[in-house]
Amino acid sequence: MSTSTRFVSLFLAVALVAVAASAPVFAQSETPSDEEMQQLLEEGVALYNDNVEQLDVSFARSLIAGKTVNVYVEDGDETHVFSASVQDDMRIDDISTGPNDEASTRITTDRQTLETIADSPDPLAEVQDALADDRIRVSGEKGHPVDQVVWTVANTFKGFFL
């Protein structure tokens, strides 16, 4: 697995795969509340944080350590937005409902993609596929032009790495 694939897979494992692992909860409710989705994110983050030392996050550290990320989950007519801080040791904390104006990275996906990841026998491979076909999009957040350029370039060349 290339370093860029590891980066995206690891980070998205936090924001997406762990949430998707709880997708049966989503199935019980047509529209999960922000609070339900935040609880799922927190559970996924705890799982990631418990295992972060076993993961190769060296590439990710240079791009995302010490930053805040906004995660947008589209669900029909609604979009659930969360923010989280990535610490210098690549642990994630401070998960909050709503966007953070200081977030420099934006991850966007939809509920169907999360459910597909949850149902997959290989969730990380499904994340990789979702990145390749833009069901998961990583970009610079609005108001952060340097990060927008960095992610535009990364997305232009992602086909060579995914």
N, C-alpha and C. Protein backbone atom coordinates (compact mmCIF):
# COMPACT_ATOMS: atom_id res chain seq x y z
N MET A 1 0.86 -1.17 0.00
CA MET A 1 0.00 0.00 0.00
C MET A 1 0.90 1.23 0.00
N SER A 2 0.66 2.17 -0.90
CA SER A 2 1.49 3.37 -0.98
C SER A 2 1.25 4.26 0.24
N THR A 3 2.18 5.20 0.45
CA THR A 3 2.04 6.08 1.61
C THR A 3 0.80 6.95 1.50
N SER A 4 0.47 7.41 0.31
CA SER A 4 -0.73 8.24 0.20
C SER A 4 -1.99 7.42 0.45
N THR A 5 -1.99 6.19 0.00
CA THR A 5 -3.14 5.33 0.27
C THR A 5 -3.25 5.05 1.76
N ARG A 6 -2.11 4.81 2.41
CA ARG A 6 -2.12 4.60 3.87
C ARG A 6 -2.68 5.83 4.56
N PHE A 7 -2.24 7.01 4.14
CA PHE A 7 -2.72 8.24 4.77
C PHE A 7 -4.23 8.33 4.69
N VAL A 8 -4.73 8.21 3.50
CA VAL A 8 -6.16 8.38 3.32
C VAL A 8 -6.92 7.28 4.03
N SER A 9 -6.44 6.05 3.90
CA SER A 9 -7.12 4.94 4.56
C SER A 9 -7.13 5.10 6.07
N LEU A 10 -6.01 5.50 6.63
CA LEU A 10 -5.94 5.65 8.08
C LEU A 10 -6.83 6.78 8.56
N PHE A 11 -6.73 7.92 7.91
CA PHE A 11 -7.53 9.03 8.39
C PHE A 11 -9.01 8.76 8.19
N LEU A 12 -9.35 8.26 7.03
CA LEU A 12 -10.76 7.99 6.77
C LEU A 12 -11.28 6.84 7.61
N ALA A 13 -10.39 5.97 8.03
CA ALA A 13 -10.81 4.91 8.95
C ALA A 13 -11.40 5.54 10.20
N VAL A 14 -10.85 6.64 10.59
CA VAL A 14 -11.37 7.34 11.77
C VAL A 14 -12.72 7.94 11.47
N ALA A 15 -12.77 8.72 10.43
CA ALA A 15 -13.97 9.50 10.17
C ALA A 15 -15.09 8.70 9.53
N LEU A 16 -14.73 7.64 8.82
CA LEU A 16 -15.73 6.94 8.05
C LEU A 16 -15.91 5.48 8.40
N VAL A 17 -14.85 4.70 8.34
CA VAL A 17 -14.99 3.26 8.51
C VAL A 17 -15.57 2.92 9.87
N ALA A 18 -15.08 3.56 10.90
CA ALA A 18 -15.58 3.26 12.24
C ALA A 18 -17.04 3.67 12.38
N VAL A 19 -17.39 4.78 11.78
CA VAL A 19 -18.80 5.18 11.79
C VAL A 19 -19.61 4.16 11.00
N ALA A 20 -19.07 3.77 9.85
CA ALA A 20 -19.79 2.82 9.01
C ALA A 20 -19.96 1.47 9.68
N ALA A 21 -19.05 1.11 10.52
CA ALA A 21 -19.17 -0.16 11.23
C ALA A 21 -20.42 -0.20 12.08
N SER A 22 -20.95 0.95 12.40
CA SER A 22 -22.17 1.03 13.20
C SER A 22 -23.38 1.36 12.33
N ALA A 23 -23.27 1.16 11.04
CA ALA A 23 -24.35 1.50 10.13
C ALA A 23 -25.68 0.83 10.45
N PRO A 24 -25.72 -0.35 11.06
CA PRO A 24 -27.02 -0.89 11.41
C PRO A 24 -27.84 0.06 12.28
N VAL A 25 -27.19 0.87 13.07
CA VAL A 25 -27.91 1.88 13.85
C VAL A 25 -28.60 2.85 12.91
N PHE A 26 -27.92 3.23 11.82
CA PHE A 26 -28.51 4.13 10.84
C PHE A 26 -29.77 3.50 10.24
N ALA A 27 -29.72 2.21 10.00
CA ALA A 27 -30.83 1.54 9.35
C ALA A 27 -32.10 1.58 10.20
N GLN A 28 -31.96 1.73 11.51
CA GLN A 28 -33.12 1.76 12.38
C GLN A 28 -33.87 3.09 12.29
N SER A 29 -33.20 4.09 11.83
CA SER A 29 -33.79 5.42 11.76
C SER A 29 -33.55 5.97 10.36
N GLU A 30 -34.59 6.47 9.74
CA GLU A 30 -34.43 7.02 8.41
C GLU A 30 -33.42 8.15 8.39
N THR A 31 -33.46 9.00 9.37
CA THR A 31 -32.54 10.12 9.45
C THR A 31 -31.94 10.18 10.84
N PRO A 32 -30.71 9.67 10.99
CA PRO A 32 -30.10 9.72 12.31
C PRO A 32 -29.81 11.17 12.71
N SER A 33 -29.92 11.42 13.98
CA SER A 33 -29.66 12.77 14.46
C SER A 33 -28.17 13.04 14.47
N ASP A 34 -27.82 14.32 14.55
CA ASP A 34 -26.41 14.68 14.68
C ASP A 34 -25.82 14.03 15.91
N GLU A 35 -26.60 13.94 16.98
CA GLU A 35 -26.10 13.35 18.22
C GLU A 35 -25.78 11.87 18.03
N GLU A 36 -26.65 11.14 17.30
CA GLU A 36 -26.40 9.73 17.03
C GLU A 36 -25.14 9.56 16.19
N MET A 37 -25.01 10.38 15.17
CA MET A 37 -23.84 10.28 14.31
C MET A 37 -22.57 10.68 15.07
N GLN A 38 -22.66 11.68 15.93
CA GLN A 38 -21.49 12.08 16.71
C GLN A 38 -21.07 10.95 17.65
N GLN A 39 -22.03 10.28 18.25
CA GLN A 39 -21.71 9.16 19.14
C GLN A 39 -20.97 8.07 18.36
N LEU A 40 -21.43 7.78 17.15
CA LEU A 40 -20.77 6.78 16.32
C LEU A 40 -19.35 7.22 15.96
N LEU A 41 -19.20 8.50 15.63
CA LEU A 41 -17.86 9.01 15.35
C LEU A 41 -16.95 8.86 16.55
N GLU A 42 -17.46 9.20 17.72
CA GLU A 42 -16.65 9.10 18.94
C GLU A 42 -16.22 7.67 19.21
N GLU A 43 -17.12 6.71 18.96
CA GLU A 43 -16.76 5.30 19.14
C GLU A 43 -15.67 4.89 18.15
N GLY A 44 -15.80 5.35 16.91
CA GLY A 44 -14.79 5.04 15.90
C GLY A 44 -13.45 5.68 16.21
N VAL A 45 -13.49 6.90 16.69
CA VAL A 45 -12.26 7.59 17.05
C VAL A 45 -11.57 6.87 18.20
N ALA A 46 -12.33 6.41 19.17
CA ALA A 46 -11.73 5.68 20.30
C ALA A 46 -11.03 4.42 19.79
N LEU A 47 -11.65 3.71 18.85
CA LEU A 47 -11.04 2.52 18.27
C LEU A 47 -9.75 2.88 17.53
N TYR A 48 -9.81 3.92 16.73
CA TYR A 48 -8.62 4.38 16.00
C TYR A 48 -7.51 4.78 16.97
N ASN A 49 -7.84 5.61 17.96
CA ASN A 49 -6.83 6.09 18.91
C ASN A 49 -6.17 4.94 19.66
N ASP A 50 -6.94 3.89 19.96
CA ASP A 50 -6.39 2.73 20.65
C ASP A 50 -5.39 1.96 19.78
N ASN A 51 -5.48 2.13 18.47
CA ASN A 51 -4.64 1.36 17.55
C ASN A 51 -3.68 2.20 16.72
N VAL A 52 -3.65 3.51 16.92
CA VAL A 52 -2.87 4.39 16.06
C VAL A 52 -1.38 4.06 16.07
N GLU A 53 -0.86 3.58 17.17
CA GLU A 53 0.57 3.27 17.25
C GLU A 53 0.95 2.08 16.37
N GLN A 54 -0.02 1.27 15.99
CA GLN A 54 0.24 0.11 15.14
C GLN A 54 0.18 0.46 13.65
N LEU A 55 -0.22 1.68 13.34
CA LEU A 55 -0.42 2.10 11.96
C LEU A 55 0.73 2.98 11.49
N ASP A 56 1.07 2.87 10.21
CA ASP A 56 2.10 3.73 9.62
C ASP A 56 1.43 5.04 9.21
N VAL A 57 1.64 6.07 10.03
CA VAL A 57 1.00 7.36 9.77
C VAL A 57 2.02 8.44 9.45
N SER A 58 3.23 8.05 9.07
CA SER A 58 4.28 9.04 8.84
C SER A 58 3.91 10.03 7.74
N PHE A 59 3.34 9.57 6.64
CA PHE A 59 2.95 10.46 5.56
C PHE A 59 1.82 11.38 6.00
N ALA A 60 0.87 10.84 6.70
CA ALA A 60 -0.27 11.63 7.17
C ALA A 60 0.16 12.71 8.14
N ARG A 61 1.14 12.40 8.95
CA ARG A 61 1.58 13.36 9.97
C ARG A 61 1.97 14.68 9.33
N SER A 62 2.66 14.65 8.21
CA SER A 62 3.11 15.90 7.59
C SER A 62 1.96 16.71 7.00
N LEU A 63 0.86 16.08 6.68
CA LEU A 63 -0.27 16.78 6.08
C LEU A 63 -1.35 17.20 7.07
N ILE A 64 -1.50 16.45 8.13
CA ILE A 64 -2.71 16.65 8.93
C ILE A 64 -2.49 16.77 10.43
N ALA A 65 -1.31 16.40 10.92
CA ALA A 65 -1.06 16.49 12.37
C ALA A 65 -1.19 17.93 12.84
N GLY A 66 -1.84 18.10 13.95
CA GLY A 66 -2.02 19.43 14.52
C GLY A 66 -3.10 20.26 13.85
N LYS A 67 -3.90 19.64 12.99
CA LYS A 67 -4.93 20.39 12.26
C LYS A 67 -6.33 19.95 12.69
N THR A 68 -7.28 20.74 12.27
CA THR A 68 -8.69 20.43 12.49
C THR A 68 -9.32 20.09 11.15
N VAL A 69 -10.20 19.09 11.15
CA VAL A 69 -10.83 18.58 9.94
C VAL A 69 -12.34 18.65 10.10
N ASN A 70 -13.03 19.06 9.05
CA ASN A 70 -14.49 19.00 9.01
C ASN A 70 -14.90 17.79 8.18
N VAL A 71 -15.88 17.03 8.69
CA VAL A 71 -16.40 15.85 7.99
C VAL A 71 -17.87 16.11 7.67
N TYR A 72 -18.23 16.00 6.40
CA TYR A 72 -19.59 16.24 5.92
C TYR A 72 -20.18 14.92 5.45
N VAL A 73 -21.30 14.52 6.04
CA VAL A 73 -21.98 13.28 5.66
C VAL A 73 -23.35 13.67 5.10
N GLU A 74 -23.52 13.50 3.79
CA GLU A 74 -24.77 13.83 3.12
C GLU A 74 -25.75 12.67 3.32
N ASP A 75 -26.97 13.01 3.69
CA ASP A 75 -27.99 12.00 3.98
C ASP A 75 -29.31 12.52 3.45
N GLY A 76 -29.59 12.21 2.18
CA GLY A 76 -30.81 12.73 1.57
C GLY A 76 -30.72 14.25 1.47
N ASP A 77 -31.72 14.92 2.03
CA ASP A 77 -31.75 16.37 2.00
C ASP A 77 -30.93 17.01 3.11
N GLU A 78 -30.37 16.20 4.00
CA GLU A 78 -29.61 16.71 5.14
C GLU A 78 -28.12 16.48 4.94
N THR A 79 -27.33 17.34 5.54
CA THR A 79 -25.89 17.14 5.62
C THR A 79 -25.50 17.27 7.08
N HIS A 80 -24.92 16.21 7.62
CA HIS A 80 -24.42 16.22 8.99
C HIS A 80 -22.96 16.66 8.93
N VAL A 81 -22.59 17.62 9.76
CA VAL A 81 -21.23 18.14 9.75
C VAL A 81 -20.62 17.98 11.14
N PHE A 82 -19.39 17.50 11.15
CA PHE A 82 -18.64 17.32 12.40
C PHE A 82 -17.24 17.85 12.20
N SER A 83 -16.61 18.19 13.29
CA SER A 83 -15.20 18.57 13.23
C SER A 83 -14.44 17.75 14.25
N ALA A 84 -13.15 17.62 14.01
CA ALA A 84 -12.28 16.89 14.94
C ALA A 84 -10.88 17.46 14.81
N SER A 85 -10.14 17.36 15.89
CA SER A 85 -8.74 17.80 15.90
C SER A 85 -7.83 16.59 15.82
N VAL A 86 -6.80 16.70 14.99
CA VAL A 86 -5.79 15.65 14.89
C VAL A 86 -4.56 16.17 15.62
N GLN A 87 -4.17 15.47 16.66
CA GLN A 87 -3.03 15.90 17.47
C GLN A 87 -1.71 15.56 16.77
N ASP A 88 -0.63 16.10 17.29
CA ASP A 88 0.69 15.85 16.69
C ASP A 88 1.06 14.37 16.69
N ASP A 89 0.53 13.60 17.65
CA ASP A 89 0.80 12.16 17.70
C ASP A 89 -0.21 11.37 16.87
N MET A 90 -1.03 12.08 16.08
CA MET A 90 -2.02 11.53 15.16
C MET A 90 -3.25 10.96 15.86
N ARG A 91 -3.38 11.19 17.14
CA ARG A 91 -4.61 10.82 17.83
C ARG A 91 -5.65 11.91 17.53
N ILE A 92 -6.89 11.51 17.55
CA ILE A 92 -7.97 12.43 17.22
C ILE A 92 -8.77 12.71 18.48
N ASP A 93 -9.12 13.98 18.66
CA ASP A 93 -9.97 14.35 19.79
C ASP A 93 -10.82 15.55 19.43
N ASP A 94 -11.53 16.04 20.40
CA ASP A 94 -12.39 17.22 20.24
C ASP A 94 -13.39 17.09 19.10
N ILE A 95 -14.11 15.97 19.07
CA ILE A 95 -15.15 15.79 18.06
C ILE A 95 -16.34 16.66 18.45
N SER A 96 -16.79 17.46 17.50
CA SER A 96 -17.91 18.37 17.76
C SER A 96 -18.90 18.31 16.62
N THR A 97 -20.15 18.57 16.94
CA THR A 97 -21.17 18.70 15.91
C THR A 97 -21.02 20.08 15.28
N GLY A 98 -21.09 20.11 13.97
CA GLY A 98 -20.98 21.37 13.24
C GLY A 98 -19.57 21.60 12.76
N PRO A 99 -19.44 22.49 11.78
CA PRO A 99 -18.11 22.78 11.23
C PRO A 99 -17.30 23.65 12.18
N ASN A 100 -15.99 23.54 12.06
CA ASN A 100 -15.08 24.40 12.80
C ASN A 100 -14.47 25.36 11.79
N ASP A 101 -14.59 26.65 12.03
CA ASP A 101 -14.08 27.66 11.09
C ASP A 101 -12.58 27.55 10.87
N GLU A 102 -11.87 26.94 11.81
CA GLU A 102 -10.42 26.82 11.68
C GLU A 102 -9.99 25.54 10.97
N ALA A 103 -10.94 24.68 10.63
CA ALA A 103 -10.60 23.42 9.94
C ALA A 103 -9.99 23.74 8.57
N SER A 104 -8.93 23.03 8.25
CA SER A 104 -8.26 23.26 6.97
C SER A 104 -8.54 22.16 5.95
N THR A 105 -9.06 21.03 6.41
CA THR A 105 -9.34 19.90 5.53
C THR A 105 -10.81 19.54 5.61
N ARG A 106 -11.36 19.16 4.48
CA ARG A 106 -12.79 18.84 4.37
C ARG A 106 -12.90 17.43 3.78
N ILE A 107 -13.64 16.57 4.46
CA ILE A 107 -13.93 15.23 3.95
C ILE A 107 -15.43 15.16 3.73
N THR A 108 -15.83 14.77 2.53
CA THR A 108 -17.25 14.72 2.18
C THR A 108 -17.59 13.32 1.67
N THR A 109 -18.70 12.78 2.15
CA THR A 109 -19.20 11.50 1.66
C THR A 109 -20.71 11.48 1.88
N ASP A 110 -21.31 10.32 1.68
CA ASP A 110 -22.75 10.21 1.92
C ASP A 110 -23.04 8.95 2.73
N ARG A 111 -24.26 8.89 3.19
CA ARG A 111 -24.67 7.76 4.04
C ARG A 111 -24.55 6.43 3.31
N GLN A 112 -24.94 6.39 2.04
CA GLN A 112 -24.88 5.15 1.27
C GLN A 112 -23.45 4.63 1.20
N THR A 113 -22.50 5.51 1.02
CA THR A 113 -21.10 5.09 0.99
C THR A 113 -20.69 4.49 2.32
N LEU A 114 -21.11 5.12 3.41
CA LEU A 114 -20.80 4.59 4.74
C LEU A 114 -21.39 3.20 4.93
N GLU A 115 -22.62 3.01 4.47
CA GLU A 115 -23.26 1.71 4.61
C GLU A 115 -22.56 0.66 3.75
N THR A 116 -22.11 1.05 2.56
CA THR A 116 -21.38 0.13 1.69
C THR A 116 -20.07 -0.29 2.35
N ILE A 117 -19.38 0.67 2.96
CA ILE A 117 -18.13 0.36 3.66
C ILE A 117 -18.41 -0.60 4.82
N ALA A 118 -19.48 -0.33 5.55
CA ALA A 118 -19.82 -1.17 6.71
C ALA A 118 -20.12 -2.60 6.30
N ASP A 119 -20.76 -2.77 5.15
CA ASP A 119 -21.14 -4.10 4.69
C ASP A 119 -20.00 -4.84 3.99
N SER A 120 -18.91 -4.16 3.72
CA SER A 120 -17.81 -4.75 2.99
C SER A 120 -16.99 -5.70 3.87
N PRO A 121 -16.56 -6.83 3.31
CA PRO A 121 -15.67 -7.71 4.07
C PRO A 121 -14.26 -7.10 4.22
N ASP A 122 -13.95 -6.09 3.41
CA ASP A 122 -12.66 -5.41 3.47
C ASP A 122 -12.91 -3.90 3.45
N PRO A 123 -13.25 -3.32 4.61
CA PRO A 123 -13.63 -1.90 4.66
C PRO A 123 -12.55 -0.95 4.14
N LEU A 124 -11.28 -1.21 4.43
CA LEU A 124 -10.24 -0.30 3.94
C LEU A 124 -10.14 -0.32 2.43
N ALA A 125 -10.32 -1.48 1.81
CA ALA A 125 -10.33 -1.55 0.34
C ALA A 125 -11.53 -0.78 -0.20
N GLU A 126 -12.66 -0.88 0.49
CA GLU A 126 -13.85 -0.14 0.06
C GLU A 126 -13.63 1.36 0.19
N VAL A 127 -12.94 1.79 1.25
CA VAL A 127 -12.60 3.21 1.39
C VAL A 127 -11.73 3.63 0.21
N GLN A 128 -10.74 2.82 -0.13
CA GLN A 128 -9.86 3.13 -1.24
C GLN A 128 -10.66 3.26 -2.54
N ASP A 129 -11.59 2.33 -2.78
CA ASP A 129 -12.44 2.41 -3.97
C ASP A 129 -13.30 3.68 -3.95
N ALA A 130 -13.84 4.00 -2.79
CA ALA A 130 -14.69 5.19 -2.66
C ALA A 130 -13.89 6.46 -2.91
N LEU A 131 -12.63 6.47 -2.51
CA LEU A 131 -11.77 7.61 -2.80
C LEU A 131 -11.49 7.71 -4.29
N ALA A 132 -11.22 6.56 -4.91
CA ALA A 132 -10.89 6.54 -6.33
C ALA A 132 -12.05 7.02 -7.19
N ASP A 133 -13.27 6.67 -6.81
CA ASP A 133 -14.42 7.07 -7.64
C ASP A 133 -15.19 8.26 -7.05
N ASP A 134 -14.55 8.99 -6.16
CA ASP A 134 -15.08 10.24 -5.60
C ASP A 134 -16.35 10.11 -4.78
N ARG A 135 -16.62 8.92 -4.26
CA ARG A 135 -17.71 8.83 -3.28
C ARG A 135 -17.25 9.37 -1.94
N ILE A 136 -15.94 9.40 -1.73
CA ILE A 136 -15.33 10.10 -0.61
C ILE A 136 -14.39 11.12 -1.23
N ARG A 137 -14.58 12.37 -0.84
CA ARG A 137 -13.77 13.44 -1.39
C ARG A 137 -13.02 14.15 -0.27
N VAL A 138 -11.73 14.34 -0.45
CA VAL A 138 -10.91 15.08 0.50
C VAL A 138 -10.44 16.34 -0.20
N SER A 139 -10.63 17.47 0.45
CA SER A 139 -10.24 18.74 -0.15
C SER A 139 -9.85 19.73 0.94
N GLY A 140 -9.31 20.84 0.50
CA GLY A 140 -9.04 21.92 1.44
C GLY A 140 -10.35 22.60 1.78
N GLU A 141 -10.51 22.96 3.03
CA GLU A 141 -11.74 23.61 3.47
C GLU A 141 -11.79 25.04 2.93
N LYS A 142 -12.98 25.55 2.75
CA LYS A 142 -13.17 26.93 2.29
C LYS A 142 -12.45 27.88 3.22
N GLY A 143 -11.81 28.89 2.64
CA GLY A 143 -11.09 29.87 3.43
C GLY A 143 -9.66 29.48 3.73
N HIS A 144 -9.22 28.33 3.22
CA HIS A 144 -7.85 27.85 3.43
C HIS A 144 -7.23 27.55 2.06
N PRO A 145 -6.83 28.61 1.33
CA PRO A 145 -6.38 28.43 -0.05
C PRO A 145 -5.16 27.52 -0.21
N VAL A 146 -4.24 27.54 0.73
CA VAL A 146 -3.06 26.67 0.60
C VAL A 146 -3.49 25.21 0.66
N ASP A 147 -4.34 24.88 1.62
CA ASP A 147 -4.82 23.50 1.72
C ASP A 147 -5.68 23.13 0.52
N GLN A 148 -6.43 24.08 -0.02
CA GLN A 148 -7.21 23.80 -1.22
C GLN A 148 -6.29 23.42 -2.38
N VAL A 149 -5.19 24.14 -2.53
CA VAL A 149 -4.25 23.84 -3.60
C VAL A 149 -3.58 22.48 -3.36
N VAL A 150 -3.14 22.23 -2.13
CA VAL A 150 -2.49 20.96 -1.81
C VAL A 150 -3.41 19.79 -2.15
N TRP A 151 -4.67 19.87 -1.73
CA TRP A 151 -5.59 18.77 -1.98
C TRP A 151 -6.02 18.69 -3.44
N THR A 152 -6.07 19.83 -4.14
CA THR A 152 -6.38 19.80 -5.56
C THR A 152 -5.29 19.04 -6.31
N VAL A 153 -4.03 19.33 -5.97
CA VAL A 153 -2.92 18.62 -6.60
C VAL A 153 -2.96 17.13 -6.23
N ALA A 154 -3.16 16.84 -4.95
CA ALA A 154 -3.22 15.44 -4.50
C ALA A 154 -4.34 14.70 -5.22
N ASN A 155 -5.49 15.32 -5.37
CA ASN A 155 -6.62 14.67 -6.04
C ASN A 155 -6.36 14.49 -7.53
N THR A 156 -5.62 15.41 -8.13
CA THR A 156 -5.29 15.29 -9.55
C THR A 156 -4.47 14.03 -9.81
N PHE A 157 -3.59 13.70 -8.87
CA PHE A 157 -2.69 12.56 -9.05
C PHE A 157 -3.10 11.32 -8.27
N LYS A 158 -4.25 11.34 -7.62
CA LYS A 158 -4.63 10.20 -6.78
C LYS A 158 -4.80 8.92 -7.58
N GLY A 159 -5.14 9.03 -8.84
CA GLY A 159 -5.29 7.85 -9.68
C GLY A 159 -4.02 7.03 -9.80
N PHE A 160 -2.88 7.66 -9.64
CA PHE A 160 -1.61 6.95 -9.70
C PHE A 160 -1.32 6.19 -8.41
N PHE A 161 -2.01 6.57 -7.33
CA PHE A 161 -1.72 5.98 -6.03
C PHE A 161 -2.81 5.06 -5.51
N LEU A 162 -4.02 5.20 -6.03
CA LEU A 162 -5.14 4.39 -5.53
C LEU A 162 -5.40 3.21 -6.45
